[in-house]
């Protein structure tokens, strides 16, 4: 799988940009503020229907415009040889319904394009997976889950809707504006997709764990990295990476905990059980990475986890996804840069950004694209 071409229109501060890419490694060069990161952000948007930098789509539209576009040509191998190119067109609007096209034809649901392009992305923001809050790790787990199984995009949205509505009712109950009638119905509405989401996350993180450990062993300092799903509510006997309870058991566990916490919820005005309260456990050398990892260790751990995600997706698909590396080499010393270059997956298409070509080790054979030659953006 490779991103053959990408075109941006009124995306961030790019008024217009069109690039083509070959197989292998491409370094996207340019000074800070020239729009390098935006190219990778747009590529990730085509794969995930969201930005790795913001949750608000409207900020992706160029100032003064009402809509922007990301157009991506994705080439995939076909049985018997050759490639099939699929064209994705995603409109982004500051208001109203955005159009989505696949192969030039409108599709009724935006999520119908998920799975055409699969990717894994490292950016400085990914360090929050190691050192940030549980929400950062949950978002990463969901990103991975959707790249593995695109149907979970709808499950996540259904869970988020049920959570918002249940919390709104609980806030009214806590404030004395409503009685508790109807909460049980929202228990069911929440626990169904919640059980499916929790089960999916547990399987996705279990699939990631060995690949992330192997990748960190290649780029890290010699200590072992261990990553596991750490739910607040789980079926009896659940052991991360060892057991895989079906969604129905997760749903039952969530329903039971909601019933147990009902009185506390009505006082606090918020939902106290479900995958929105879960976390990932990440340790380096047996110590919690969030509190004990140095900045360098956290950076390399985040890189290792993303490389592991790339390999886990590839193992599931039987085809390597696109790897996006934003500023991955910049803060590293020469030894770590060479280790990272040596750990990159062979045969995958890799897009790397760099402000200074000297950041990229000479052992990494790469084509180059200089965005300073285009109209600059950010």
Protein backbone atom coordinates (compact mmCIF):
# COMPACT_ATOMS: atom_id res chain seq x y z
CA UNK A 1 0.00 0.00 0.00
CA UNK A 2 1.24 3.48 -0.78
CA UNK A 3 0.05 7.03 -0.99
CA UNK A 4 0.63 7.74 -4.68
CA UNK A 5 -0.46 11.38 -4.59
CA UNK A 6 -2.02 13.94 -2.31
CA UNK A 7 -3.60 17.28 -3.13
CA UNK A 8 -4.65 19.96 -0.65
CA UNK A 9 -6.99 22.85 -1.26
CA UNK A 10 -7.57 25.48 1.45
CA UNK A 11 -6.20 23.06 4.04
CA UNK A 12 -4.57 24.86 6.98
CA UNK A 13 -2.63 27.65 5.27
CA UNK A 14 -2.04 25.79 2.03
CA UNK A 15 -4.18 27.38 -0.65
CA UNK A 16 -3.15 24.67 -3.10
CA UNK A 17 -0.59 21.88 -3.05
CA UNK A 18 -0.15 18.71 -5.07
CA UNK A 19 2.54 16.09 -4.43
CA UNK A 20 3.31 12.63 -5.76
CA UNK A 21 5.23 9.94 -3.91
CA UNK A 22 7.15 6.83 -4.91
CA UNK A 23 7.69 3.63 -2.95
CA UNK A 24 10.21 3.57 -0.14
CA UNK A 25 11.26 6.55 1.96
CA UNK A 26 10.52 10.16 1.06
CA UNK A 27 11.86 13.03 3.14
CA UNK A 28 9.62 16.10 3.06
CA UNK A 29 12.02 18.98 3.67
CA UNK A 30 11.55 22.63 4.46
CA UNK A 31 12.15 25.20 7.18
CA UNK A 32 9.91 25.39 10.23
CA UNK A 33 6.52 26.79 9.29
CA UNK A 34 6.77 25.71 5.67
CA UNK A 35 3.90 23.21 5.79
CA UNK A 36 5.70 19.88 6.20
CA UNK A 37 3.59 18.71 9.10
CA UNK A 38 0.43 19.73 7.28
CA UNK A 39 1.21 17.27 4.48
CA UNK A 40 1.44 14.39 6.95
CA UNK A 41 -1.63 15.66 8.80
CA UNK A 42 -3.60 15.56 5.54
CA UNK A 43 -2.34 12.05 4.78
CA UNK A 44 -3.43 10.90 8.25
CA UNK A 45 -6.79 12.61 7.72
CA UNK A 46 -7.31 10.50 4.61
CA UNK A 47 -6.59 7.35 6.62
CA UNK A 48 -8.37 8.19 9.88
CA UNK A 49 -10.94 10.92 9.07
CA UNK A 50 -9.36 13.10 11.72
CA UNK A 51 -6.28 15.11 12.59
CA UNK A 52 -3.61 13.99 15.03
CA UNK A 53 -3.23 17.64 16.09
CA UNK A 54 -6.80 18.72 16.82
CA UNK A 55 -10.26 17.28 17.31
CA UNK A 56 -11.93 20.27 15.62
CA UNK A 57 -12.17 19.83 11.85
CA UNK A 58 -13.14 23.45 11.23
CA UNK A 59 -9.67 24.70 12.20
CA UNK A 60 -8.25 22.70 9.28
CA UNK A 61 -9.95 25.02 6.79
CA UNK A 62 -7.80 27.90 5.57
CA UNK A 63 -8.66 31.21 7.20
CA UNK A 64 -11.31 33.13 5.30
CA UNK A 65 -12.63 30.03 3.49
CA UNK A 66 -15.72 27.96 4.24
CA UNK A 67 -14.37 24.65 2.98
CA UNK A 68 -11.15 22.82 2.22
CA UNK A 69 -10.27 19.53 0.54
CA UNK A 70 -7.93 16.59 0.95
CA UNK A 71 -7.63 14.40 -2.12
CA UNK A 72 -5.56 11.23 -1.91
CA UNK A 73 -4.69 8.58 -4.51
CA UNK A 74 -4.01 5.30 -2.78
CA UNK A 75 -2.31 2.46 -4.66
CA UNK A 76 -2.79 -1.12 -3.49
CA UNK A 77 -1.39 -4.35 -4.85
CA UNK A 78 -3.78 -6.70 -6.61
CA UNK A 79 -3.64 -10.46 -6.93
CA UNK A 80 -1.65 -11.43 -9.99
CA UNK A 81 0.50 -8.29 -9.96
CA UNK A 82 0.04 -4.61 -10.61
CA UNK A 83 -1.79 -1.98 -8.61
CA UNK A 84 -5.26 -0.59 -8.22
CA UNK A 85 -5.51 3.13 -7.46
CA UNK A 86 -8.44 4.38 -5.40
CA UNK A 87 -9.20 8.08 -5.16
CA UNK A 88 -10.45 9.59 -1.90
CA UNK A 89 -11.86 13.12 -1.78
CA UNK A 90 -12.72 14.60 1.60
CA UNK A 91 -14.31 18.01 1.94
CA UNK A 92 -13.92 19.80 5.27
CA UNK A 93 -16.40 22.55 6.07
CA UNK A 94 -16.65 25.20 8.78
CA UNK A 95 -20.39 24.54 8.82
CA UNK A 96 -22.88 22.23 7.17
CA UNK A 97 -22.52 18.77 5.70
CA UNK A 98 -19.22 17.96 4.00
CA UNK A 99 -19.08 15.90 0.83
CA UNK A 100 -17.11 12.67 0.56
CA UNK A 101 -16.18 10.91 -2.65
CA UNK A 102 -14.58 7.59 -3.42
CA UNK A 103 -13.52 6.90 -6.98
CA UNK A 104 -15.23 10.12 -8.07
CA UNK A 105 -18.64 9.06 -6.74
CA UNK A 106 -20.36 10.51 -3.69
CA UNK A 107 -20.62 8.15 -0.73
CA UNK A 108 -23.50 8.49 1.74
CA UNK A 109 -21.42 8.02 4.87
CA UNK A 110 -17.99 9.52 5.43
CA UNK A 111 -16.77 6.42 7.20
CA UNK A 112 -17.29 4.40 4.00
CA UNK A 113 -13.79 5.50 2.88
CA UNK A 114 -12.11 4.11 5.98
CA UNK A 115 -9.88 1.18 5.17
CA UNK A 116 -8.92 2.39 1.71
CA UNK A 117 -5.72 3.80 3.18
CA UNK A 118 -4.21 2.46 6.38
CA UNK A 119 -1.46 4.30 8.22
CA UNK A 120 0.43 4.78 11.45
CA UNK A 121 1.69 8.21 12.48
CA UNK A 122 4.38 9.46 14.80
CA UNK A 123 4.43 13.14 15.68
CA UNK A 124 5.73 14.98 18.75
CA UNK A 125 2.16 14.87 20.06
CA UNK A 126 2.44 11.08 20.29
CA UNK A 127 4.81 11.41 23.25
CA UNK A 128 1.64 12.10 25.26
CA UNK A 129 0.77 8.43 24.81
CA UNK A 130 3.70 7.69 27.12
CA UNK A 131 3.72 10.69 29.45
CA UNK A 132 0.30 12.26 29.08
CA UNK A 133 -3.14 11.65 30.55
CA UNK A 134 -5.27 8.51 30.11
CA UNK A 135 -7.29 10.30 27.43
CA UNK A 136 -4.18 10.51 25.23
CA UNK A 137 -3.67 6.77 25.50
CA UNK A 138 -7.35 6.02 24.87
CA UNK A 139 -7.26 8.12 21.69
CA UNK A 140 -4.20 6.23 20.49
CA UNK A 141 -5.87 2.88 21.22
CA UNK A 142 -8.94 3.99 19.26
CA UNK A 143 -6.78 5.21 16.36
CA UNK A 144 -5.12 1.80 16.23
CA UNK A 145 -8.44 -0.02 16.51
CA UNK A 146 -9.95 1.87 13.57
CA UNK A 147 -6.87 1.22 11.42
CA UNK A 148 -7.15 -2.48 12.23
CA UNK A 149 -10.94 -2.68 11.93
CA UNK A 150 -12.58 0.40 10.35
CA UNK A 151 -16.06 -0.60 11.53
CA UNK A 152 -15.12 0.49 15.05
CA UNK A 153 -15.29 4.11 13.91
CA UNK A 154 -19.10 3.79 14.05
CA UNK A 155 -18.95 1.96 17.41
CA UNK A 156 -16.85 4.76 18.93
CA UNK A 157 -19.24 7.43 17.66
CA UNK A 158 -22.25 5.51 19.00
CA UNK A 159 -20.61 5.17 22.41
CA UNK A 160 -19.69 8.86 22.51
CA UNK A 161 -23.27 9.89 21.68
CA UNK A 162 -24.73 7.64 24.37
CA UNK A 163 -22.18 8.92 26.91
CA UNK A 164 -23.01 12.57 26.18
CA UNK A 165 -26.74 11.99 26.52
CA UNK A 166 -26.44 9.89 29.66
CA UNK A 167 -24.18 12.49 31.26
CA UNK A 168 -26.65 15.24 30.36
CA UNK A 169 -29.39 13.34 32.18
CA UNK A 170 -27.15 12.71 35.19
CA UNK A 171 -26.27 16.40 35.39
CA UNK A 172 -29.97 17.26 35.45
CA UNK A 173 -30.54 14.70 38.19
CA UNK A 174 -27.61 16.04 40.24
CA UNK A 175 -28.93 19.60 39.86
CA UNK A 176 -32.48 18.62 40.83
CA UNK A 177 -33.88 19.45 37.39
CA UNK A 178 -34.97 15.87 36.68
CA UNK A 179 -35.65 12.56 38.38
CA UNK A 180 -33.73 9.34 37.85
CA UNK A 181 -36.36 7.81 35.57
CA UNK A 182 -34.87 6.69 32.29
CA UNK A 183 -31.31 6.16 33.47
CA UNK A 184 -31.67 2.37 33.11
CA UNK A 185 -32.50 2.78 29.42
CA UNK A 186 -29.34 4.82 28.96
CA UNK A 187 -27.39 2.10 30.78
CA UNK A 188 -28.28 -0.28 27.95
CA UNK A 189 -27.59 2.31 25.26
CA UNK A 190 -24.14 2.95 26.74
CA UNK A 191 -23.10 -0.57 27.71
CA UNK A 192 -23.80 -2.16 24.32
CA UNK A 193 -21.30 -0.16 22.25
CA UNK A 194 -19.15 0.23 25.37
CA UNK A 195 -18.71 -3.52 25.66
CA UNK A 196 -17.89 -3.82 21.98
CA UNK A 197 -15.37 -0.95 22.19
CA UNK A 198 -13.65 -2.31 25.30
CA UNK A 199 -13.37 -5.79 23.81
CA UNK A 200 -11.96 -4.34 20.59
CA UNK A 201 -9.42 -2.21 22.42
CA UNK A 202 -8.27 -5.16 24.52
CA UNK A 203 -7.66 -7.24 21.39
CA UNK A 204 -5.98 -4.38 19.53
CA UNK A 205 -3.57 -3.60 22.37
CA UNK A 206 -2.81 -7.31 22.81
CA UNK A 207 -1.96 -7.46 19.09
CA UNK A 208 0.21 -4.34 19.41
CA UNK A 209 2.16 -5.39 22.51
CA UNK A 210 4.71 -7.83 21.01
CA UNK A 211 5.39 -5.59 18.02
CA UNK A 212 5.84 -2.51 20.22
CA UNK A 213 8.19 -4.42 22.52
CA UNK A 214 10.27 -5.58 19.58
CA UNK A 215 10.41 -2.10 18.02
CA UNK A 216 11.47 -0.49 21.29
CA UNK A 217 14.17 -3.12 21.72
CA UNK A 218 15.55 -1.91 18.37
CA UNK A 219 15.41 1.83 19.09
CA UNK A 220 15.56 2.06 22.89
CA UNK A 221 18.20 1.92 25.57
CA UNK A 222 18.11 -1.81 26.31
CA UNK A 223 15.20 -1.89 28.76
CA UNK A 224 12.00 -3.81 27.98
CA UNK A 225 8.84 -1.93 27.01
CA UNK A 226 5.55 -3.54 28.01
CA UNK A 227 2.16 -2.16 26.97
CA UNK A 228 -1.23 -3.55 28.01
CA UNK A 229 -4.87 -2.54 28.20
CA UNK A 230 -5.78 -1.37 31.72
CA UNK A 231 -9.58 -1.15 32.06
CA UNK A 232 -11.31 0.23 35.15
CA UNK A 233 -14.21 -2.17 34.54
CA UNK A 234 -13.60 -5.63 33.08
CA UNK A 235 -15.08 -9.13 33.04
CA UNK A 236 -14.11 -11.46 35.87
CA UNK A 237 -10.80 -13.14 35.21
CA UNK A 238 -9.68 -10.75 32.49
CA UNK A 239 -5.90 -10.72 32.06
CA UNK A 240 -4.44 -8.25 29.53
CA UNK A 241 -2.97 -10.10 26.58
CA UNK A 242 -3.89 -13.51 28.03
CA UNK A 243 -7.70 -13.65 27.86
CA UNK A 244 -10.09 -12.23 25.28
CA UNK A 245 -13.60 -12.08 26.74
CA UNK A 246 -16.31 -11.48 24.11
CA UNK A 247 -18.11 -8.12 23.94
CA UNK A 248 -21.15 -9.51 25.80
CA UNK A 249 -19.02 -10.12 28.91
CA UNK A 250 -17.65 -6.58 28.80
CA UNK A 251 -21.20 -5.25 28.40
CA UNK A 252 -22.37 -7.25 31.42
CA UNK A 253 -19.46 -5.97 33.50
CA UNK A 254 -20.24 -2.36 32.56
CA UNK A 255 -23.94 -2.79 33.34
CA UNK A 256 -23.11 -4.31 36.73
CA UNK A 257 -20.77 -1.46 37.65
CA UNK A 258 -23.25 1.19 36.50
CA UNK A 259 -25.85 -0.34 38.82
CA UNK A 260 -23.36 -0.40 41.71
CA UNK A 261 -22.36 3.24 41.18
CA UNK A 262 -25.87 4.59 40.48
CA UNK A 263 -26.21 6.65 43.67
CA UNK A 264 -22.72 8.13 43.33
CA UNK A 265 -23.38 8.99 39.68
CA UNK A 266 -26.57 10.86 40.52
CA UNK A 267 -24.68 12.92 43.09
CA UNK A 268 -21.67 13.64 40.89
CA UNK A 269 -23.60 14.06 37.66
CA UNK A 270 -21.35 11.91 35.49
CA UNK A 271 -20.95 8.33 34.22
CA UNK A 272 -18.50 6.37 36.33
CA UNK A 273 -18.11 3.13 34.36
CA UNK A 274 -17.24 2.40 30.76
CA UNK A 275 -14.28 2.49 28.36
CA UNK A 276 -14.10 6.30 28.62
CA UNK A 277 -12.44 5.72 32.01
CA UNK A 278 -9.93 3.08 30.87
CA UNK A 279 -6.20 3.46 30.31
CA UNK A 280 -3.16 1.72 28.86
CA UNK A 281 -0.35 0.51 31.09
CA UNK A 282 3.09 1.30 29.67
CA UNK A 283 6.27 0.35 31.50
CA UNK A 284 9.95 0.60 30.61
CA UNK A 285 12.35 -1.62 32.49
CA UNK A 286 9.56 -2.59 34.87
CA UNK A 287 8.81 1.02 35.89
CA UNK A 288 5.75 3.10 34.90
CA UNK A 289 6.80 5.11 31.85
CA UNK A 290 4.48 8.02 32.65
CA UNK A 291 6.32 8.87 35.85
CA UNK A 292 9.77 7.36 35.41
CA UNK A 293 10.74 7.73 31.74
CA UNK A 294 13.17 10.48 30.82
CA UNK A 295 12.29 12.76 27.92
CA UNK A 296 14.55 10.74 25.62
CA UNK A 297 13.12 7.43 26.80
CA UNK A 298 9.57 8.73 26.37
CA UNK A 299 10.33 9.91 22.83
CA UNK A 300 11.85 6.58 21.82
CA UNK A 301 9.04 4.67 23.55
CA UNK A 302 6.45 6.64 21.58
CA UNK A 303 8.39 5.95 18.38
CA UNK A 304 8.58 2.27 19.27
CA UNK A 305 4.85 2.07 19.98
CA UNK A 306 4.03 3.69 16.63
CA UNK A 307 6.43 1.38 14.78
CA UNK A 308 4.75 -1.49 16.61
CA UNK A 309 1.33 -0.23 15.54
CA UNK A 310 2.54 -0.11 11.94
CA UNK A 311 3.71 -3.72 12.13
CA UNK A 312 0.54 -4.89 13.89
CA UNK A 313 -1.62 -3.32 11.16
CA UNK A 314 0.57 -4.85 8.47
CA UNK A 315 0.38 -8.30 10.07
CA UNK A 316 -3.41 -8.03 10.17
CA UNK A 317 -3.74 -6.81 6.59
CA UNK A 318 -1.00 -8.87 4.99
CA UNK A 319 0.19 -5.60 3.45
CA UNK A 320 2.29 -2.82 4.99
CA UNK A 321 0.40 0.40 5.71
CA UNK A 322 1.89 3.84 5.13
CA UNK A 323 4.21 5.07 7.89
CA UNK A 324 4.16 8.81 8.65
CA UNK A 325 7.02 10.23 10.74
CA UNK A 326 6.76 13.90 11.64
CA UNK A 327 9.97 15.37 13.06
CA UNK A 328 10.92 11.97 14.47
CA UNK A 329 14.71 12.40 14.06
CA UNK A 330 15.13 16.04 15.08
CA UNK A 331 15.63 15.81 18.89
CA UNK A 332 17.73 12.66 18.77
CA UNK A 333 21.48 12.36 19.14
CA UNK A 334 23.37 10.75 16.23
CA UNK A 335 23.44 7.27 17.78
CA UNK A 336 19.68 7.25 18.32
CA UNK A 337 19.08 8.59 14.82
CA UNK A 338 21.02 5.70 13.32
CA UNK A 339 19.17 3.19 15.51
CA UNK A 340 15.83 4.62 14.41
CA UNK A 341 16.83 4.56 10.75
CA UNK A 342 17.87 0.92 11.10
CA UNK A 343 14.58 -0.01 12.79
CA UNK A 344 12.30 1.37 10.07
CA UNK A 345 10.24 -1.29 8.29
CA UNK A 346 11.71 -2.59 5.06
CA UNK A 347 9.40 -2.45 2.05
CA UNK A 348 6.93 0.03 3.51
CA UNK A 349 6.24 3.48 2.15
CA UNK A 350 7.55 5.99 4.71
CA UNK A 351 7.02 9.74 4.63
CA UNK A 352 9.39 11.66 6.92
CA UNK A 353 9.55 15.39 7.65
CA UNK A 354 12.80 17.18 8.41
CA UNK A 355 13.74 20.84 8.68
CA UNK A 356 17.41 19.99 8.17
CA UNK A 357 18.47 17.19 5.79
CA UNK A 358 21.37 16.48 8.15
CA UNK A 359 18.83 15.07 10.62
CA UNK A 360 18.36 12.03 8.37
CA UNK A 361 21.14 9.42 8.67
CA UNK A 362 23.05 8.72 5.47
CA UNK A 363 22.22 5.03 5.83
CA UNK A 364 18.59 5.79 4.96
CA UNK A 365 18.09 5.79 1.21
CA UNK A 366 15.40 8.37 0.55
CA UNK A 367 13.90 10.56 -2.12
CA UNK A 368 13.34 14.21 -1.25
CA UNK A 369 10.56 16.75 -1.64
CA UNK A 370 11.32 20.37 -0.77
CA UNK A 371 8.08 22.13 0.17
CA UNK A 372 9.88 25.48 0.18
CA UNK A 373 9.53 25.28 -3.58
CA UNK A 374 5.75 25.48 -3.23
CA UNK A 375 3.56 28.14 -1.68
CA UNK A 376 4.37 27.82 2.05
CA UNK A 377 1.89 27.04 4.80
CA UNK A 378 1.96 25.71 8.28
